[in-house]
Amino acid sequence: MGSRGQPFDVLGGEKSLQLGVGGIRVARLLSIWNIFTSNYLAVRYHVKYLDVKKLLVKTSYRMTEDRDHVDRFLDKIREELPKEIDFVVEGIVDRINGINWRIRKMLDETLENYDLTNGDWKVLCSLRWQGKPYRSSPGELARWADLSSGAMTNRLDRLEEAGLVERLRDPEDRRGVLVQLTPKGLKLHQEAIGVQAEKEKLLADALGEREKVQLESLLRRVMLVLEQRTGPKA
């Protein structure tokens, strides 16, 4: 009903229904009902569509998921292990070990190209991570590499002969000696890091950028728990 008691035009246009005062309430109820049923059907269809889509994605994932050597190994030994063993955890641990083995193998290949051993690399890294002027004492280097002083002396002799490090007098202790990276050693270390970094990129080729961030976050969470229980790596 208009402001002056005129009939209320519900539909408008040529097919409008002219209703009196008594029909307005019915028209409004019918209109509300139509809106409700339309929305309800739309919501039901949307939910059903999402459910089907989720099912298709889940099914597609299962159908296209490849099996690696860890899957085959766990299937082989499944019957030999206690029932309480969590095979998901075993799969995670085995894959971390496998990835670590491949990273070490790639590093060994990189170092071999530069005529370095893993022990040599530890010394160069230790000096580099000291920051400029890339200097440390033989004792600190031995502790970092978990070597005896005699073994570290032999290693430093080899690196000094190759021109990668040099021994200097400690300005604060006339009897002391410091070990420092030479420009040649710094350059070699920089090049080797670049080569190894390119190789390590291959490990993440199967992941998108968002997945890399997610994986790093999950691994950090695991590492934090391990550090709380066993302490951080020295």
C-alpha atoms as a PDB file:
ATOM      1  CA  MET A   1       0.000   0.000   0.000  1.00  0.00           C
ATOM      2  CA  GLY A   2       1.361   3.411  -0.961  1.00  0.00           C
ATOM      3  CA  SER A   3       1.447   6.370   1.366  1.00  0.00           C
ATOM      4  CA  ARG A   4      -2.089   7.344   0.360  1.00  0.00           C
ATOM      5  CA  GLY A   5      -3.720   3.943   0.541  1.00  0.00           C
ATOM      6  CA  GLN A   6      -3.087   3.031  -3.105  1.00  0.00           C
ATOM      7  CA  PRO A   7      -2.769  -0.641  -4.047  1.00  0.00           C
ATOM      8  CA  PHE A   8       0.770  -2.075  -3.555  1.00  0.00           C
ATOM      9  CA  ASP A   9       2.562  -3.030  -6.794  1.00  0.00           C
ATOM     10  CA  VAL A  10       4.413  -6.277  -6.048  1.00  0.00           C
ATOM     11  CA  LEU A  11       5.844  -7.399  -9.394  1.00  0.00           C
ATOM     12  CA  GLY A  12       5.822  -4.201 -11.404  1.00  0.00           C
ATOM     13  CA  GLY A  13       5.415  -3.946 -15.172  1.00  0.00           C
ATOM     14  CA  GLU A  14       2.548  -5.324 -17.221  1.00  0.00           C
ATOM     15  CA  LYS A  15       2.325  -8.509 -15.135  1.00  0.00           C
ATOM     16  CA  SER A  16       2.127  -6.710 -11.788  1.00  0.00           C
ATOM     17  CA  LEU A  17      -0.388  -7.911  -9.243  1.00  0.00           C
ATOM     18  CA  GLN A  18      -2.546  -5.180  -7.854  1.00  0.00           C
ATOM     19  CA  LEU A  19      -3.219  -6.168  -4.249  1.00  0.00           C
ATOM     20  CA  GLY A  20      -5.285  -4.447  -1.633  1.00  0.00           C
ATOM     21  CA  VAL A  21      -4.297  -3.943   1.988  1.00  0.00           C
ATOM     22  CA  GLY A  22      -5.161  -7.548   2.843  1.00  0.00           C
ATOM     23  CA  GLY A  23      -3.010  -8.959   0.080  1.00  0.00           C
ATOM     24  CA  ILE A  24       0.175  -7.096   0.895  1.00  0.00           C
ATOM     25  CA  ARG A  25       1.072  -9.378   3.792  1.00  0.00           C
ATOM     26  CA  VAL A  26       0.558 -12.495   1.665  1.00  0.00           C
ATOM     27  CA  ALA A  27       2.632 -11.073  -1.165  1.00  0.00           C
ATOM     28  CA  ARG A  28       5.488 -10.267   1.172  1.00  0.00           C
ATOM     29  CA  LEU A  29       5.409 -13.754   2.673  1.00  0.00           C
ATOM     30  CA  LEU A  30       5.462 -15.293  -0.804  1.00  0.00           C
ATOM     31  CA  SER A  31       8.385 -13.069  -1.760  1.00  0.00           C
ATOM     32  CA  ILE A  32      10.356 -14.034   1.354  1.00  0.00           C
ATOM     33  CA  TRP A  33       9.608 -17.715   0.734  1.00  0.00           C
ATOM     34  CA  ASN A  34      10.859 -17.477  -2.850  1.00  0.00           C
ATOM     35  CA  ILE A  35      14.083 -15.827  -1.714  1.00  0.00           C
ATOM     36  CA  PHE A  36      14.595 -18.440   1.022  1.00  0.00           C
ATOM     37  CA  THR A  37      14.020 -21.434  -1.252  1.00  0.00           C
ATOM     38  CA  SER A  38      16.258 -19.978  -3.968  1.00  0.00           C
ATOM     39  CA  ASN A  39      19.091 -19.352  -1.530  1.00  0.00           C
ATOM     40  CA  TYR A  40      18.612 -22.738   0.124  1.00  0.00           C
ATOM     41  CA  LEU A  41      18.819 -24.573  -3.190  1.00  0.00           C
ATOM     42  CA  ALA A  42      21.820 -22.489  -4.230  1.00  0.00           C
ATOM     43  CA  VAL A  43      23.613 -23.249  -0.966  1.00  0.00           C
ATOM     44  CA  ARG A  44      22.813 -26.957  -1.239  1.00  0.00           C
ATOM     45  CA  TYR A  45      24.086 -27.044  -4.795  1.00  0.00           C
ATOM     46  CA  HIS A  46      27.231 -25.116  -3.836  1.00  0.00           C
ATOM     47  CA  VAL A  47      28.008 -27.405  -0.893  1.00  0.00           C
ATOM     48  CA  LYS A  48      27.381 -30.454  -3.043  1.00  0.00           C
ATOM     49  CA  TYR A  49      29.641 -29.061  -5.709  1.00  0.00           C
ATOM     50  CA  LEU A  50      32.411 -28.416  -3.184  1.00  0.00           C
ATOM     51  CA  ASP A  51      32.042 -31.929  -1.772  1.00  0.00           C
ATOM     52  CA  VAL A  52      32.330 -33.458  -5.231  1.00  0.00           C
ATOM     53  CA  LYS A  53      35.281 -31.223  -6.063  1.00  0.00           C
ATOM     54  CA  LYS A  54      37.009 -32.205  -2.816  1.00  0.00           C
ATOM     55  CA  LEU A  55      36.357 -35.868  -3.550  1.00  0.00           C
ATOM     56  CA  LEU A  56      37.732 -35.532  -7.073  1.00  0.00           C
ATOM     57  CA  VAL A  57      40.860 -33.772  -5.816  1.00  0.00           C
ATOM     58  CA  LYS A  58      41.374 -36.395  -3.131  1.00  0.00           C
ATOM     59  CA  THR A  59      40.825 -39.246  -5.572  1.00  0.00           C
ATOM     60  CA  SER A  60      43.062 -37.624  -8.172  1.00  0.00           C
ATOM     61  CA  TYR A  61      45.808 -37.195  -5.562  1.00  0.00           C
ATOM     62  CA  ARG A  62      45.656 -40.852  -4.616  1.00  0.00           C
ATOM     63  CA  MET A  63      45.656 -41.983  -8.222  1.00  0.00           C
ATOM     64  CA  THR A  64      48.629 -39.830  -9.288  1.00  0.00           C
ATOM     65  CA  GLU A  65      50.773 -40.160  -6.165  1.00  0.00           C
ATOM     66  CA  ASP A  66      54.049 -41.885  -7.032  1.00  0.00           C
ATOM     67  CA  ARG A  67      55.687 -44.385  -4.705  1.00  0.00           C
ATOM     68  CA  ASP A  68      59.336 -43.949  -3.763  1.00  0.00           C
ATOM     69  CA  HIS A  69      61.900 -46.386  -2.381  1.00  0.00           C
ATOM     70  CA  VAL A  70      60.789 -45.593   1.190  1.00  0.00           C
ATOM     71  CA  ASP A  71      57.247 -46.790   0.441  1.00  0.00           C
ATOM     72  CA  ARG A  72      58.570 -50.006  -1.055  1.00  0.00           C
ATOM     73  CA  PHE A  73      60.954 -50.588   1.847  1.00  0.00           C
ATOM     74  CA  LEU A  74      58.275 -50.029   4.505  1.00  0.00           C
ATOM     75  CA  ASP A  75      55.868 -52.348   2.679  1.00  0.00           C
ATOM     76  CA  LYS A  76      58.560 -55.008   2.662  1.00  0.00           C
ATOM     77  CA  ILE A  77      59.281 -54.848   6.401  1.00  0.00           C
ATOM     78  CA  ARG A  78      55.776 -53.996   7.623  1.00  0.00           C
ATOM     79  CA  GLU A  79      55.001 -57.500   8.865  1.00  0.00           C
ATOM     80  CA  GLU A  80      58.323 -57.735  10.728  1.00  0.00           C
ATOM     81  CA  LEU A  81      57.806 -54.638  12.876  1.00  0.00           C
ATOM     82  CA  PRO A  82      55.735 -54.259  16.070  1.00  0.00           C
ATOM     83  CA  LYS A  83      52.103 -53.286  15.554  1.00  0.00           C
ATOM     84  CA  GLU A  84      52.517 -50.034  17.495  1.00  0.00           C
ATOM     85  CA  ILE A  85      55.050 -48.670  14.989  1.00  0.00           C
ATOM     86  CA  ASP A  86      53.764 -45.504  13.311  1.00  0.00           C
ATOM     87  CA  PHE A  87      54.627 -45.964   9.645  1.00  0.00           C
ATOM     88  CA  VAL A  88      53.930 -42.322   8.847  1.00  0.00           C
ATOM     89  CA  VAL A  89      56.646 -41.293  11.305  1.00  0.00           C
ATOM     90  CA  GLU A  90      58.969 -43.962   9.894  1.00  0.00           C
ATOM     91  CA  GLY A  91      58.350 -42.614   6.412  1.00  0.00           C
ATOM     92  CA  ILE A  92      59.172 -39.060   7.508  1.00  0.00           C
ATOM     93  CA  VAL A  93      62.399 -40.103   9.244  1.00  0.00           C
ATOM     94  CA  ASP A  94      63.553 -42.334   6.380  1.00  0.00           C
ATOM     95  CA  ARG A  95      62.943 -39.591   3.834  1.00  0.00           C
ATOM     96  CA  ILE A  96      64.829 -37.007   5.920  1.00  0.00           C
ATOM     97  CA  ASN A  97      67.752 -39.449   6.131  1.00  0.00           C
ATOM     98  CA  GLY A  98      67.580 -40.061   2.391  1.00  0.00           C
ATOM     99  CA  ILE A  99      67.534 -36.348   1.581  1.00  0.00           C
ATOM    100  CA  ASN A 100      70.449 -35.746   3.972  1.00  0.00           C
ATOM    101  CA  TRP A 101      72.455 -38.530   2.282  1.00  0.00           C
ATOM    102  CA  ARG A 102      71.895 -36.981  -1.137  1.00  0.00           C
ATOM    103  CA  ILE A 103      72.885 -33.508   0.070  1.00  0.00           C
ATOM    104  CA  ARG A 104      76.119 -34.899   1.529  1.00  0.00           C
ATOM    105  CA  LYS A 105      76.848 -36.777  -1.682  1.00  0.00           C
ATOM    106  CA  MET A 106      76.345 -33.612  -3.746  1.00  0.00           C
ATOM    107  CA  LEU A 107      78.639 -31.697  -1.373  1.00  0.00           C
ATOM    108  CA  ASP A 108      81.331 -34.388  -1.634  1.00  0.00           C
ATOM    109  CA  GLU A 109      81.187 -34.105  -5.431  1.00  0.00           C
ATOM    110  CA  THR A 110      81.469 -30.310  -5.228  1.00  0.00           C
ATOM    111  CA  LEU A 111      84.439 -30.466  -2.867  1.00  0.00           C
ATOM    112  CA  GLU A 112      86.197 -33.059  -5.005  1.00  0.00           C
ATOM    113  CA  ASN A 113      86.088 -30.636  -7.929  1.00  0.00           C
ATOM    114  CA  TYR A 114      87.960 -28.115  -5.761  1.00  0.00           C
ATOM    115  CA  ASP A 115      90.404 -30.715  -4.388  1.00  0.00           C
ATOM    116  CA  LEU A 116      88.971 -30.354  -0.871  1.00  0.00           C
ATOM    117  CA  THR A 117      87.993 -32.878   1.774  1.00  0.00           C
ATOM    118  CA  ASN A 118      84.991 -32.510   4.038  1.00  0.00           C
ATOM    119  CA  GLY A 119      87.388 -31.664   6.864  1.00  0.00           C
ATOM    120  CA  ASP A 120      89.013 -28.925   4.776  1.00  0.00           C
ATOM    121  CA  TRP A 121      85.563 -27.516   4.070  1.00  0.00           C
ATOM    122  CA  LYS A 122      84.757 -27.361   7.780  1.00  0.00           C
ATOM    123  CA  VAL A 123      87.850 -25.277   8.421  1.00  0.00           C
ATOM    124  CA  LEU A 124      87.105 -22.873   5.570  1.00  0.00           C
ATOM    125  CA  CYS A 125      83.474 -22.514   6.679  1.00  0.00           C
ATOM    126  CA  SER A 126      84.470 -21.948  10.281  1.00  0.00           C
ATOM    127  CA  LEU A 127      86.823 -19.137   9.271  1.00  0.00           C
ATOM    128  CA  ARG A 128      84.270 -17.613   6.894  1.00  0.00           C
ATOM    129  CA  TRP A 129      81.487 -17.591   9.463  1.00  0.00           C
ATOM    130  CA  GLN A 130      83.710 -15.633  11.859  1.00  0.00           C
ATOM    131  CA  GLY A 131      83.177 -12.603   9.657  1.00  0.00           C
ATOM    132  CA  LYS A 132      85.897 -10.234   8.527  1.00  0.00           C
ATOM    133  CA  PRO A 133      88.851 -10.626   8.751  1.00  0.00           C
ATOM    134  CA  TYR A 134      87.889 -14.364   8.702  1.00  0.00           C
ATOM    135  CA  ARG A 135      90.282 -15.318  11.471  1.00  0.00           C
ATOM    136  CA  SER A 136      90.314 -17.799  14.369  1.00  0.00           C
ATOM    137  CA  SER A 137      92.693 -19.709  16.626  1.00  0.00           C
ATOM    138  CA  PRO A 138      93.748 -23.292  15.833  1.00  0.00           C
ATOM    139  CA  GLY A 139      92.233 -24.397  19.123  1.00  0.00           C
ATOM    140  CA  GLU A 140      88.830 -22.965  18.253  1.00  0.00           C
ATOM    141  CA  LEU A 141      88.969 -24.559  14.831  1.00  0.00           C
ATOM    142  CA  ALA A 142      89.855 -27.935  16.359  1.00  0.00           C
ATOM    143  CA  ARG A 143      86.913 -27.741  18.769  1.00  0.00           C
ATOM    144  CA  TRP A 144      84.529 -26.732  16.005  1.00  0.00           C
ATOM    145  CA  ALA A 145      85.688 -29.610  13.782  1.00  0.00           C
ATOM    146  CA  ASP A 146      85.905 -32.040  16.713  1.00  0.00           C
ATOM    147  CA  LEU A 147      89.565 -32.806  15.995  1.00  0.00           C
ATOM    148  CA  SER A 148      92.668 -33.192  18.123  1.00  0.00           C
ATOM    149  CA  SER A 149      95.212 -30.366  18.004  1.00  0.00           C
ATOM    150  CA  GLY A 150      97.627 -32.620  16.096  1.00  0.00           C
ATOM    151  CA  ALA A 151      95.044 -33.501  13.439  1.00  0.00           C
ATOM    152  CA  MET A 152      94.121 -29.836  13.051  1.00  0.00           C
ATOM    153  CA  THR A 153      97.794 -28.909  12.642  1.00  0.00           C
ATOM    154  CA  ASN A 154      98.118 -31.384   9.769  1.00  0.00           C
ATOM    155  CA  ARG A 155      94.979 -30.034   8.143  1.00  0.00           C
ATOM    156  CA  LEU A 156      96.129 -26.447   8.448  1.00  0.00           C
ATOM    157  CA  ASP A 157      99.498 -27.396   6.951  1.00  0.00           C
ATOM    158  CA  ARG A 158      97.720 -28.774   3.895  1.00  0.00           C
ATOM    159  CA  LEU A 159      95.448 -25.733   3.491  1.00  0.00           C
ATOM    160  CA  GLU A 160      98.346 -23.321   3.989  1.00  0.00           C
ATOM    161  CA  GLU A 161     100.400 -25.154   1.359  1.00  0.00           C
ATOM    162  CA  ALA A 162      97.469 -24.762  -1.048  1.00  0.00           C
ATOM    163  CA  GLY A 163      97.414 -21.029  -0.318  1.00  0.00           C
ATOM    164  CA  LEU A 164      93.905 -21.077   1.174  1.00  0.00           C
ATOM    165  CA  VAL A 165      94.830 -20.055   4.728  1.00  0.00           C
ATOM    166  CA  GLU A 166      97.750 -18.384   6.437  1.00  0.00           C
ATOM    167  CA  ARG A 167      99.092 -18.402   9.970  1.00  0.00           C
ATOM    168  CA  LEU A 168      99.602 -15.075  11.706  1.00  0.00           C
ATOM    169  CA  ARG A 169     100.981 -14.000  15.052  1.00  0.00           C
ATOM    170  CA  ASP A 170      98.257 -13.177  17.565  1.00  0.00           C
ATOM    171  CA  PRO A 171      98.644  -9.446  18.311  1.00  0.00           C
ATOM    172  CA  GLU A 172      97.181 -10.005  21.778  1.00  0.00           C
ATOM    173  CA  ASP A 173      99.370 -13.016  22.598  1.00  0.00           C
ATOM    174  CA  ARG A 174     102.930 -13.069  21.284  1.00  0.00           C
ATOM    175  CA  ARG A 175     103.109 -16.823  21.757  1.00  0.00           C
ATOM    176  CA  GLY A 176      99.774 -17.426  20.078  1.00  0.00           C
ATOM    177  CA  VAL A 177      98.929 -18.083  16.432  1.00  0.00           C
ATOM    178  CA  LEU A 178      95.843 -17.170  14.427  1.00  0.00           C
ATOM    179  CA  VAL A 179      94.596 -18.737  11.220  1.00  0.00           C
ATOM    180  CA  GLN A 180      93.092 -16.515   8.542  1.00  0.00           C
ATOM    181  CA  LEU A 181      91.507 -17.061   5.147  1.00  0.00           C
ATOM    182  CA  THR A 182      93.582 -15.773   2.263  1.00  0.00           C
ATOM    183  CA  PRO A 183      91.957 -13.939  -0.670  1.00  0.00           C
ATOM    184  CA  LYS A 184      92.372 -17.167  -2.663  1.00  0.00           C
ATOM    185  CA  GLY A 185      90.678 -19.177   0.083  1.00  0.00           C
ATOM    186  CA  LEU A 186      87.819 -16.678   0.297  1.00  0.00           C
ATOM    187  CA  LYS A 187      87.293 -16.771  -3.465  1.00  0.00           C
ATOM    188  CA  LEU A 188      87.325 -20.576  -3.578  1.00  0.00           C
ATOM    189  CA  HIS A 189      84.857 -20.790  -0.701  1.00  0.00           C
ATOM    190  CA  GLN A 190      82.509 -18.336  -2.404  1.00  0.00           C
ATOM    191  CA  GLU A 191      82.595 -20.259  -5.682  1.00  0.00           C
ATOM    192  CA  ALA A 192      82.015 -23.626  -4.016  1.00  0.00           C
ATOM    193  CA  ILE A 193      79.051 -22.278  -2.066  1.00  0.00           C
ATOM    194  CA  GLY A 194      77.475 -21.031  -5.291  1.00  0.00           C
ATOM    195  CA  VAL A 195      77.933 -24.382  -7.024  1.00  0.00           C
ATOM    196  CA  GLN A 196      76.490 -26.290  -4.075  1.00  0.00           C
ATOM    197  CA  ALA A 197      73.544 -23.897  -3.746  1.00  0.00           C
ATOM    198  CA  GLU A 198      72.581 -24.540  -7.366  1.00  0.00           C
ATOM    199  CA  LYS A 199      72.648 -28.277  -6.750  1.00  0.00           C
ATOM    200  CA  GLU A 200      70.495 -27.957  -3.630  1.00  0.00           C
ATOM    201  CA  LYS A 201      67.841 -26.089  -5.609  1.00  0.00           C
ATOM    202  CA  LEU A 202      67.112 -29.382  -7.361  1.00  0.00           C
ATOM    203  CA  LEU A 203      65.784 -30.777  -4.081  1.00  0.00           C
ATOM    204  CA  ALA A 204      62.899 -28.320  -4.115  1.00  0.00           C
ATOM    205  CA  ASP A 205      62.016 -28.585  -7.802  1.00  0.00           C
ATOM    206  CA  ALA A 206      58.978 -30.697  -6.912  1.00  0.00           C
ATOM    207  CA  LEU A 207      57.560 -27.882  -4.743  1.00  0.00           C
ATOM    208  CA  GLY A 208      55.935 -24.570  -5.520  1.00  0.00           C
ATOM    209  CA  GLU A 209      57.006 -21.401  -3.736  1.00  0.00           C
ATOM    210  CA  ARG A 210      54.179 -21.639  -1.199  1.00  0.00           C
ATOM    211  CA  GLU A 211      54.954 -25.312  -0.540  1.00  0.00           C
ATOM    212  CA  LYS A 212      58.606 -24.496   0.127  1.00  0.00           C
ATOM    213  CA  VAL A 213      57.579 -21.981   2.782  1.00  0.00           C
ATOM    214  CA  GLN A 214      55.176 -24.501   4.320  1.00  0.00           C
ATOM    215  CA  LEU A 215      57.801 -27.250   4.381  1.00  0.00           C
ATOM    216  CA  GLU A 216      60.363 -24.950   5.992  1.00  0.00           C
ATOM    217  CA  SER A 217      57.814 -23.958   8.645  1.00  0.00           C
ATOM    218  CA  LEU A 218      56.991 -27.601   9.446  1.00  0.00           C
ATOM    219  CA  LEU A 219      60.652 -28.592   9.655  1.00  0.00           C
ATOM    220  CA  ARG A 220      61.336 -25.614  11.925  1.00  0.00           C
ATOM    221  CA  ARG A 221      58.562 -26.776  14.249  1.00  0.00           C
ATOM    222  CA  VAL A 222      60.091 -30.251  14.431  1.00  0.00           C
ATOM    223  CA  MET A 223      63.550 -28.798  15.035  1.00  0.00           C
ATOM    224  CA  LEU A 224      62.299 -26.594  17.866  1.00  0.00           C
ATOM    225  CA  VAL A 225      60.807 -29.608  19.637  1.00  0.00           C
ATOM    226  CA  LEU A 226      64.051 -31.568  19.214  1.00  0.00           C
ATOM    227  CA  GLU A 227      66.100 -28.639  20.515  1.00  0.00           C
ATOM    228  CA  GLN A 228      63.894 -28.396  23.585  1.00  0.00           C
ATOM    229  CA  ARG A 229      64.494 -32.068  24.322  1.00  0.00           C
ATOM    230  CA  THR A 230      68.140 -32.517  23.362  1.00  0.00           C
ATOM    231  CA  GLY A 231      69.519 -28.982  23.167  1.00  0.00           C
ATOM    232  CA  PRO A 232      70.635 -27.032  20.084  1.00  0.00           C
ATOM    233  CA  LYS A 233      73.449 -28.307  17.921  1.00  0.00           C
ATOM    234  CA  ALA A 234      76.771 -26.881  19.105  1.00  0.00           C
END
